[in-house]
N, C-alpha and C. Protein backbone atom coordinates (compact mmCIF):
# COMPACT_ATOMS: atom_id res chain seq x y z
N MET A 1 -22.13 12.02 31.86
CA MET A 1 -21.12 11.52 32.86
C MET A 1 -19.84 11.23 32.07
N GLU A 2 -18.81 11.61 32.87
CA GLU A 2 -17.54 11.22 32.21
C GLU A 2 -16.79 10.17 33.12
N GLN A 3 -16.25 9.18 32.44
CA GLN A 3 -15.50 7.97 33.02
C GLN A 3 -13.95 8.50 32.85
N ASP A 4 -13.12 7.65 33.59
CA ASP A 4 -11.68 7.98 33.53
C ASP A 4 -11.31 7.27 32.22
N GLY A 5 -10.18 7.70 31.67
CA GLY A 5 -9.78 7.12 30.44
C GLY A 5 -9.02 5.95 30.49
N GLY A 6 -9.37 4.96 31.45
CA GLY A 6 -8.60 3.71 31.63
C GLY A 6 -8.87 2.60 30.58
N GLY A 7 -9.94 2.63 30.07
CA GLY A 7 -10.29 1.30 29.40
C GLY A 7 -10.86 1.65 28.02
N ALA A 8 -10.76 0.56 27.22
CA ALA A 8 -10.99 0.78 25.78
C ALA A 8 -12.66 0.64 25.73
N GLY A 9 -13.36 1.16 24.61
CA GLY A 9 -14.79 1.19 24.44
C GLY A 9 -15.44 2.07 25.42
N GLY A 10 -16.19 2.89 24.84
CA GLY A 10 -17.01 3.81 25.70
C GLY A 10 -16.05 4.84 26.53
N GLU A 11 -14.88 4.94 26.07
CA GLU A 11 -13.87 5.78 26.85
C GLU A 11 -14.20 7.46 26.50
N ARG A 12 -14.14 8.14 27.64
CA ARG A 12 -14.52 9.65 27.48
C ARG A 12 -13.07 10.29 28.09
N ARG A 13 -13.03 11.51 27.26
CA ARG A 13 -11.75 12.37 27.69
C ARG A 13 -12.13 13.16 28.90
N THR A 14 -11.43 13.29 29.89
CA THR A 14 -11.61 14.03 31.11
C THR A 14 -10.93 15.21 31.19
N ASP A 15 -9.75 15.33 30.32
CA ASP A 15 -9.05 16.62 30.34
C ASP A 15 -9.58 17.58 29.25
N ALA A 16 -10.19 18.68 29.67
CA ALA A 16 -10.91 19.50 28.82
C ALA A 16 -10.12 20.11 27.72
N ALA A 17 -8.57 20.49 28.12
CA ALA A 17 -7.76 21.07 27.01
C ALA A 17 -7.53 20.06 25.92
N LEU A 18 -7.32 18.93 26.29
CA LEU A 18 -6.88 17.76 25.39
C LEU A 18 -8.17 17.56 24.51
N ALA A 19 -9.32 17.61 25.19
CA ALA A 19 -10.54 17.42 24.41
C ALA A 19 -10.75 18.48 23.29
N ALA A 20 -10.33 19.60 23.66
CA ALA A 20 -10.45 20.74 22.74
C ALA A 20 -9.52 20.69 21.60
N LEU A 21 -8.15 20.15 21.94
CA LEU A 21 -7.27 19.88 20.81
C LEU A 21 -7.80 19.00 19.89
N ILE A 22 -8.25 17.80 20.51
CA ILE A 22 -8.72 16.72 19.56
C ILE A 22 -9.88 17.05 18.70
N ASP A 23 -10.77 17.98 19.19
CA ASP A 23 -11.91 18.42 18.45
C ASP A 23 -11.31 19.27 17.33
N GLN A 24 -10.35 20.05 17.74
CA GLN A 24 -9.72 20.94 16.62
C GLN A 24 -9.11 20.04 15.59
N GLY A 25 -8.37 19.06 16.04
CA GLY A 25 -7.74 18.20 15.08
C GLY A 25 -8.67 17.42 14.14
N ILE A 26 -9.90 17.09 14.73
CA ILE A 26 -10.72 16.36 13.98
C ILE A 26 -11.48 17.28 12.94
N GLY A 27 -11.53 18.57 13.23
CA GLY A 27 -12.06 19.68 12.29
C GLY A 27 -11.10 19.72 11.13
N PHE A 28 -9.73 19.81 11.70
CA PHE A 28 -8.72 20.09 10.69
C PHE A 28 -8.58 18.93 9.59
N ASP A 29 -8.90 17.73 10.30
CA ASP A 29 -9.01 16.43 9.46
C ASP A 29 -10.12 16.59 8.39
N ALA A 30 -11.10 16.91 8.79
CA ALA A 30 -12.37 17.10 7.91
C ALA A 30 -12.01 18.18 6.76
N ASP A 31 -11.51 19.30 7.26
CA ASP A 31 -11.25 20.61 6.34
C ASP A 31 -10.21 20.39 5.52
N CYS A 32 -8.97 19.87 6.17
CA CYS A 32 -7.70 20.20 5.65
C CYS A 32 -6.91 18.86 5.20
N GLY A 33 -7.45 17.61 5.75
CA GLY A 33 -6.72 16.39 5.52
C GLY A 33 -6.00 15.99 6.83
N ALA A 34 -5.81 14.70 6.70
CA ALA A 34 -5.14 14.14 7.97
C ALA A 34 -3.78 14.45 8.11
N THR A 35 -3.03 14.94 7.29
CA THR A 35 -1.59 15.44 7.40
C THR A 35 -1.56 16.62 8.21
N ILE A 36 -2.43 17.69 7.78
CA ILE A 36 -2.49 18.76 8.64
C ILE A 36 -3.03 18.53 10.12
N ALA A 37 -4.03 17.75 10.15
CA ALA A 37 -4.51 17.46 11.52
C ALA A 37 -3.47 16.83 12.27
N TRP A 38 -2.65 15.88 11.72
CA TRP A 38 -1.58 15.13 12.53
C TRP A 38 -0.50 16.21 13.12
N ALA A 39 -0.25 17.06 12.00
CA ALA A 39 0.93 18.04 12.35
C ALA A 39 0.39 18.98 13.51
N PHE A 40 -0.89 19.45 13.33
CA PHE A 40 -1.31 20.29 14.46
C PHE A 40 -1.41 19.49 15.87
N LEU A 41 -1.91 18.39 15.88
CA LEU A 41 -2.07 17.57 17.20
C LEU A 41 -0.61 17.27 17.68
N ALA A 42 0.26 16.85 16.84
CA ALA A 42 1.69 16.54 17.10
C ALA A 42 2.34 17.90 17.83
N ARG A 43 2.01 18.91 17.14
CA ARG A 43 2.71 20.27 17.50
C ARG A 43 2.28 20.61 18.95
N HIS A 44 1.06 20.14 19.30
CA HIS A 44 0.38 20.40 20.60
C HIS A 44 0.68 19.37 21.58
N GLY A 45 1.76 18.38 21.33
CA GLY A 45 1.96 17.51 22.26
C GLY A 45 1.03 16.20 22.36
N VAL A 46 0.12 16.06 21.55
CA VAL A 46 -0.70 14.84 21.52
C VAL A 46 0.16 13.52 21.22
N PRO A 47 0.10 12.50 21.88
CA PRO A 47 0.87 11.23 21.72
C PRO A 47 0.64 10.70 20.39
N PRO A 48 1.63 10.30 19.49
CA PRO A 48 1.29 9.75 18.19
C PRO A 48 0.41 8.61 18.13
N ALA A 49 0.32 7.64 19.26
CA ALA A 49 -0.71 6.67 19.33
C ALA A 49 -2.01 7.04 19.45
N LEU A 50 -2.25 8.21 20.30
CA LEU A 50 -3.72 8.86 20.30
C LEU A 50 -4.06 9.37 19.10
N ILE A 51 -3.05 10.21 18.45
CA ILE A 51 -3.48 10.77 17.05
C ILE A 51 -3.77 9.69 16.15
N LEU A 52 -3.18 8.72 15.98
CA LEU A 52 -3.48 7.54 15.09
C LEU A 52 -4.85 7.17 15.46
N ARG A 53 -5.17 6.80 16.75
CA ARG A 53 -6.50 6.33 17.04
C ARG A 53 -7.66 7.32 16.56
N VAL A 54 -7.45 8.45 16.83
CA VAL A 54 -8.34 9.52 16.52
C VAL A 54 -8.62 9.75 15.04
N LEU A 55 -7.50 9.83 14.43
CA LEU A 55 -7.64 10.14 13.00
C LEU A 55 -7.96 8.90 12.04
N ALA A 56 -7.64 7.70 12.65
CA ALA A 56 -7.87 6.44 11.69
C ALA A 56 -9.20 5.96 11.90
N ALA A 57 -9.95 6.20 13.18
CA ALA A 57 -11.36 5.73 13.24
C ALA A 57 -12.42 6.66 13.07
N PRO A 58 -13.51 6.26 12.39
CA PRO A 58 -14.66 7.30 12.03
C PRO A 58 -15.20 7.50 13.41
N GLY A 59 -15.82 8.80 13.46
CA GLY A 59 -16.48 9.10 14.85
C GLY A 59 -17.70 8.34 15.13
N GLU A 60 -18.24 8.41 16.17
CA GLU A 60 -19.40 7.47 16.58
C GLU A 60 -20.55 7.90 15.83
N GLY A 61 -21.31 7.07 15.28
CA GLY A 61 -22.42 7.29 14.41
C GLY A 61 -22.32 7.73 12.99
N SER A 62 -20.91 7.76 12.58
CA SER A 62 -20.63 8.33 11.16
C SER A 62 -20.15 7.10 10.48
N ALA A 63 -20.33 7.34 9.04
CA ALA A 63 -19.80 6.29 8.12
C ALA A 63 -18.32 6.27 7.97
N PRO A 64 -17.85 5.13 7.61
CA PRO A 64 -16.31 5.06 7.33
C PRO A 64 -16.03 6.16 6.31
N ARG A 65 -14.71 6.50 6.36
CA ARG A 65 -14.28 7.57 5.27
C ARG A 65 -14.36 6.92 4.09
N ARG A 66 -13.97 5.74 3.82
CA ARG A 66 -14.05 5.01 2.44
C ARG A 66 -14.78 3.75 2.46
N THR A 67 -15.43 3.51 1.47
CA THR A 67 -16.26 2.28 1.34
C THR A 67 -15.60 1.48 0.25
N ARG A 68 -15.68 0.14 0.26
CA ARG A 68 -15.16 -0.70 -0.76
C ARG A 68 -15.71 -0.19 -2.16
N GLY A 69 -14.78 -0.23 -3.13
CA GLY A 69 -15.15 0.00 -4.38
C GLY A 69 -15.31 1.59 -4.54
N ALA A 70 -14.92 2.39 -3.77
CA ALA A 70 -15.20 3.81 -3.71
C ALA A 70 -14.29 4.44 -4.87
N THR A 71 -13.23 3.85 -5.18
CA THR A 71 -12.51 4.43 -6.40
C THR A 71 -12.86 4.00 -7.60
N ALA A 72 -13.06 4.81 -8.63
CA ALA A 72 -13.40 4.45 -10.08
C ALA A 72 -12.49 3.49 -10.69
N PRO A 73 -12.77 2.63 -11.47
CA PRO A 73 -11.79 1.86 -12.24
C PRO A 73 -11.07 2.81 -13.17
N PRO A 74 -9.80 2.43 -13.57
CA PRO A 74 -9.05 3.28 -14.58
C PRO A 74 -9.90 3.41 -15.96
N ALA A 75 -9.64 4.45 -16.48
CA ALA A 75 -10.25 4.67 -17.97
C ALA A 75 -9.30 3.76 -18.86
N PRO A 76 -10.06 3.17 -19.78
CA PRO A 76 -9.25 2.34 -20.85
C PRO A 76 -8.31 3.10 -21.68
N LEU A 77 -7.09 2.71 -21.99
CA LEU A 77 -6.15 3.30 -22.69
C LEU A 77 -6.61 3.40 -24.30
N GLN A 78 -6.41 4.38 -24.78
CA GLN A 78 -6.81 4.51 -26.29
C GLN A 78 -5.69 4.71 -27.26
């Protein structure tokens, strides 16, 4: 069941063409990084606020991109 895109939380895309672009952008993000994904989506007319929301938030049911302490401490100088 699709809902209109009027509210936050549980929002569903009703525009099939936009949905396909967003899905491709998410794929580019996973494969090539956020910069390429952003450029692709922007080139196809996706509004910047929507691009930010899509690329900044992890997908439903997936882990965040980074966890605390994910980066290793710097190696000691010798």
